Amino acid sequence: AGREFRLDADAGDGHPIRLHLERVVEQTGQIPVELQGLVCPEGAEHLWQWFRMLHAARGGSGFGPNPLGYGEIPAWSARPGIRPTPFEAGCLRALDGEFFKAQSEAADKRRKK
């Protein structure tokens, strides 16, 4: 997950690294090495999809995105067809932690430049 989240970091121009890499694919038809091998483990695809849904709806403080609060997963899961188990909810929170870890590492790298 860490490598996947690093692609969501700002490329320094206000856009995520992933967007630039996807444009390379669109323009050249070549898949950059950074996008190769990013495969969700079998059976966990729904967790990744759920996390991406939660991530897209997360709020921010003006200084960046806010972590997913304890009330956000239950509120989100009230939607029809989404019923995460306690284990799955824990996985979503763990993914959120990995997201912020990757964001912090990307910011550290930018500061060191």
C-alpha atoms as a PDB file:
ATOM      1  CA  ALA A   1       0.000   0.000   0.000  1.00  0.00           C
ATOM      2  CA  GLY A   2       2.862   2.405   0.707  1.00  0.00           C
ATOM      3  CA  ARG A   3       4.032   2.422  -2.902  1.00  0.00           C
ATOM      4  CA  GLU A   4       0.467   2.919  -4.096  1.00  0.00           C
ATOM      5  CA  PHE A   5      -0.030   5.874  -1.748  1.00  0.00           C
ATOM      6  CA  ARG A   6       3.229   7.514  -2.761  1.00  0.00           C
ATOM      7  CA  LEU A   7       1.659   7.900  -6.199  1.00  0.00           C
ATOM      8  CA  ASP A   8      -1.057  10.038  -4.600  1.00  0.00           C
ATOM      9  CA  ALA A   9       1.546  12.477  -3.250  1.00  0.00           C
ATOM     10  CA  ASP A  10       1.833  15.925  -4.785  1.00  0.00           C
ATOM     11  CA  ALA A  11       4.344  16.007  -7.632  1.00  0.00           C
ATOM     12  CA  GLY A  12       5.256  19.539  -6.641  1.00  0.00           C
ATOM     13  CA  ASP A  13       2.813  21.195  -9.020  1.00  0.00           C
ATOM     14  CA  GLY A  14      -0.418  20.636  -7.118  1.00  0.00           C
ATOM     15  CA  HIS A  15      -1.176  17.376  -8.944  1.00  0.00           C
ATOM     16  CA  PRO A  16      -0.568  13.795  -7.782  1.00  0.00           C
ATOM     17  CA  ILE A  17       2.333  11.823  -9.211  1.00  0.00           C
ATOM     18  CA  ARG A  18      -0.197   9.225 -10.391  1.00  0.00           C
ATOM     19  CA  LEU A  19      -1.832  11.781 -12.716  1.00  0.00           C
ATOM     20  CA  HIS A  20       1.477  12.497 -14.445  1.00  0.00           C
ATOM     21  CA  LEU A  21       2.199   8.793 -14.847  1.00  0.00           C
ATOM     22  CA  GLU A  22      -1.277   8.116 -16.236  1.00  0.00           C
ATOM     23  CA  ARG A  23      -0.728  10.888 -18.776  1.00  0.00           C
ATOM     24  CA  VAL A  24       2.471   9.155 -19.864  1.00  0.00           C
ATOM     25  CA  VAL A  25       0.431   5.996 -20.474  1.00  0.00           C
ATOM     26  CA  GLU A  26      -2.188   7.954 -22.458  1.00  0.00           C
ATOM     27  CA  GLN A  27       0.408   9.737 -24.587  1.00  0.00           C
ATOM     28  CA  THR A  28       2.893   6.936 -25.190  1.00  0.00           C
ATOM     29  CA  GLY A  29       1.037   3.703 -24.527  1.00  0.00           C
ATOM     30  CA  GLN A  30       3.969   2.716 -22.294  1.00  0.00           C
ATOM     31  CA  ILE A  31       3.369   1.864 -18.634  1.00  0.00           C
ATOM     32  CA  PRO A  32       5.983   3.537 -16.395  1.00  0.00           C
ATOM     33  CA  VAL A  33       7.739   1.212 -13.981  1.00  0.00           C
ATOM     34  CA  GLU A  34       6.122   3.073 -11.073  1.00  0.00           C
ATOM     35  CA  LEU A  35       2.708   1.828 -12.220  1.00  0.00           C
ATOM     36  CA  GLN A  36       3.794  -1.721 -12.972  1.00  0.00           C
ATOM     37  CA  GLY A  37       3.091  -4.466 -10.485  1.00  0.00           C
ATOM     38  CA  LEU A  38       0.566  -2.532  -8.443  1.00  0.00           C
ATOM     39  CA  VAL A  39      -1.843  -5.365  -7.881  1.00  0.00           C
ATOM     40  CA  CYS A  40      -4.223  -5.576  -4.986  1.00  0.00           C
ATOM     41  CA  PRO A  41      -4.018  -8.930  -3.181  1.00  0.00           C
ATOM     42  CA  GLU A  42      -6.730 -11.321  -4.315  1.00  0.00           C
ATOM     43  CA  GLY A  43      -9.774 -11.086  -2.088  1.00  0.00           C
ATOM     44  CA  ALA A  44      -8.942  -7.567  -0.894  1.00  0.00           C
ATOM     45  CA  GLU A  45     -10.106  -5.682  -3.969  1.00  0.00           C
ATOM     46  CA  HIS A  46     -13.281  -4.558  -2.208  1.00  0.00           C
ATOM     47  CA  LEU A  47     -11.242  -3.066   0.649  1.00  0.00           C
ATOM     48  CA  TRP A  48      -9.174  -1.046  -1.787  1.00  0.00           C
ATOM     49  CA  GLN A  49     -12.314   0.129  -3.597  1.00  0.00           C
ATOM     50  CA  TRP A  50     -13.932   1.075  -0.281  1.00  0.00           C
ATOM     51  CA  PHE A  51     -10.837   2.930   0.864  1.00  0.00           C
ATOM     52  CA  ARG A  52     -10.651   4.872  -2.398  1.00  0.00           C
ATOM     53  CA  MET A  53     -14.328   5.865  -1.934  1.00  0.00           C
ATOM     54  CA  LEU A  54     -13.675   7.055   1.624  1.00  0.00           C
ATOM     55  CA  HIS A  55     -10.479   8.801   0.564  1.00  0.00           C
ATOM     56  CA  ALA A  56     -12.250  10.703  -2.213  1.00  0.00           C
ATOM     57  CA  ALA A  57     -14.805  12.014   0.270  1.00  0.00           C
ATOM     58  CA  ARG A  58     -12.422  12.920   3.092  1.00  0.00           C
ATOM     59  CA  GLY A  59     -12.291  16.451   4.412  1.00  0.00           C
ATOM     60  CA  GLY A  60      -9.312  18.693   4.843  1.00  0.00           C
ATOM     61  CA  SER A  61      -8.096  21.338   7.226  1.00  0.00           C
ATOM     62  CA  GLY A  62      -6.526  23.737   4.767  1.00  0.00           C
ATOM     63  CA  PHE A  63      -3.175  22.173   5.633  1.00  0.00           C
ATOM     64  CA  GLY A  64      -3.947  18.879   3.940  1.00  0.00           C
ATOM     65  CA  PRO A  65      -6.339  15.960   4.215  1.00  0.00           C
ATOM     66  CA  ASN A  66      -7.834  14.908   7.537  1.00  0.00           C
ATOM     67  CA  PRO A  67      -7.509  11.343   8.794  1.00  0.00           C
ATOM     68  CA  LEU A  68     -10.637   9.218   8.606  1.00  0.00           C
ATOM     69  CA  GLY A  69     -12.473   9.708  11.894  1.00  0.00           C
ATOM     70  CA  TYR A  70     -14.039   6.876  13.852  1.00  0.00           C
ATOM     71  CA  GLY A  71     -17.524   8.047  12.866  1.00  0.00           C
ATOM     72  CA  GLU A  72     -16.826   8.303   9.147  1.00  0.00           C
ATOM     73  CA  ILE A  73     -16.595   4.592   8.392  1.00  0.00           C
ATOM     74  CA  PRO A  74     -19.928   3.733  10.113  1.00  0.00           C
ATOM     75  CA  ALA A  75     -21.633   6.737   8.471  1.00  0.00           C
ATOM     76  CA  TRP A  76     -20.264   5.760   5.057  1.00  0.00           C
ATOM     77  CA  SER A  77     -21.160   2.092   5.565  1.00  0.00           C
ATOM     78  CA  ALA A  78     -24.823   2.998   6.087  1.00  0.00           C
ATOM     79  CA  ARG A  79     -25.020   3.093   2.289  1.00  0.00           C
ATOM     80  CA  PRO A  80     -26.868   0.150   0.752  1.00  0.00           C
ATOM     81  CA  GLY A  81     -24.645  -2.804  -0.050  1.00  0.00           C
ATOM     82  CA  ILE A  82     -21.707  -1.757   2.126  1.00  0.00           C
ATOM     83  CA  ARG A  83     -21.369  -3.628   5.392  1.00  0.00           C
ATOM     84  CA  PRO A  84     -17.740  -3.891   6.518  1.00  0.00           C
ATOM     85  CA  THR A  85     -16.935  -6.338   9.268  1.00  0.00           C
ATOM     86  CA  PRO A  86     -14.982  -5.040  12.278  1.00  0.00           C
ATOM     87  CA  PHE A  87     -11.858  -6.569  10.704  1.00  0.00           C
ATOM     88  CA  GLU A  88     -12.509  -4.796   7.396  1.00  0.00           C
ATOM     89  CA  ALA A  89     -13.103  -1.494   9.211  1.00  0.00           C
ATOM     90  CA  GLY A  90      -9.744  -2.018  10.933  1.00  0.00           C
ATOM     91  CA  CYS A  91      -8.144  -2.627   7.542  1.00  0.00           C
ATOM     92  CA  LEU A  92      -9.608   0.643   6.252  1.00  0.00           C
ATOM     93  CA  ARG A  93      -8.127   2.514   9.228  1.00  0.00           C
ATOM     94  CA  ALA A  94      -4.779   0.773   8.665  1.00  0.00           C
ATOM     95  CA  LEU A  95      -4.833   1.835   5.008  1.00  0.00           C
ATOM     96  CA  ASP A  96      -5.525   5.383   6.163  1.00  0.00           C
ATOM     97  CA  GLY A  97      -2.470   5.198   8.413  1.00  0.00           C
ATOM     98  CA  GLU A  98      -0.356   3.996   5.490  1.00  0.00           C
ATOM     99  CA  PHE A  99      -1.687   6.851   3.367  1.00  0.00           C
ATOM    100  CA  PHE A 100      -0.516   9.422   5.913  1.00  0.00           C
ATOM    101  CA  LYS A 101       2.823   7.667   6.351  1.00  0.00           C
ATOM    102  CA  ALA A 102       3.413   7.855   2.577  1.00  0.00           C
ATOM    103  CA  GLN A 103       2.355  11.528   2.550  1.00  0.00           C
ATOM    104  CA  SER A 104       4.829  12.285   5.330  1.00  0.00           C
ATOM    105  CA  GLU A 105       7.658  10.456   3.542  1.00  0.00           C
ATOM    106  CA  ALA A 106       6.925  12.359   0.317  1.00  0.00           C
ATOM    107  CA  ALA A 107       6.947  15.675   2.195  1.00  0.00           C
ATOM    108  CA  ASP A 108      10.269  14.779   3.837  1.00  0.00           C
ATOM    109  CA  LYS A 109      11.788  14.046   0.420  1.00  0.00           C
ATOM    110  CA  ARG A 110      10.561  17.372  -0.951  1.00  0.00           C
ATOM    111  CA  ARG A 111      12.051  19.238   2.017  1.00  0.00           C
ATOM    112  CA  LYS A 112      15.433  17.544   1.500  1.00  0.00           C
ATOM    113  CA  LYS A 113      15.661  18.700  -2.113  1.00  0.00           C
END
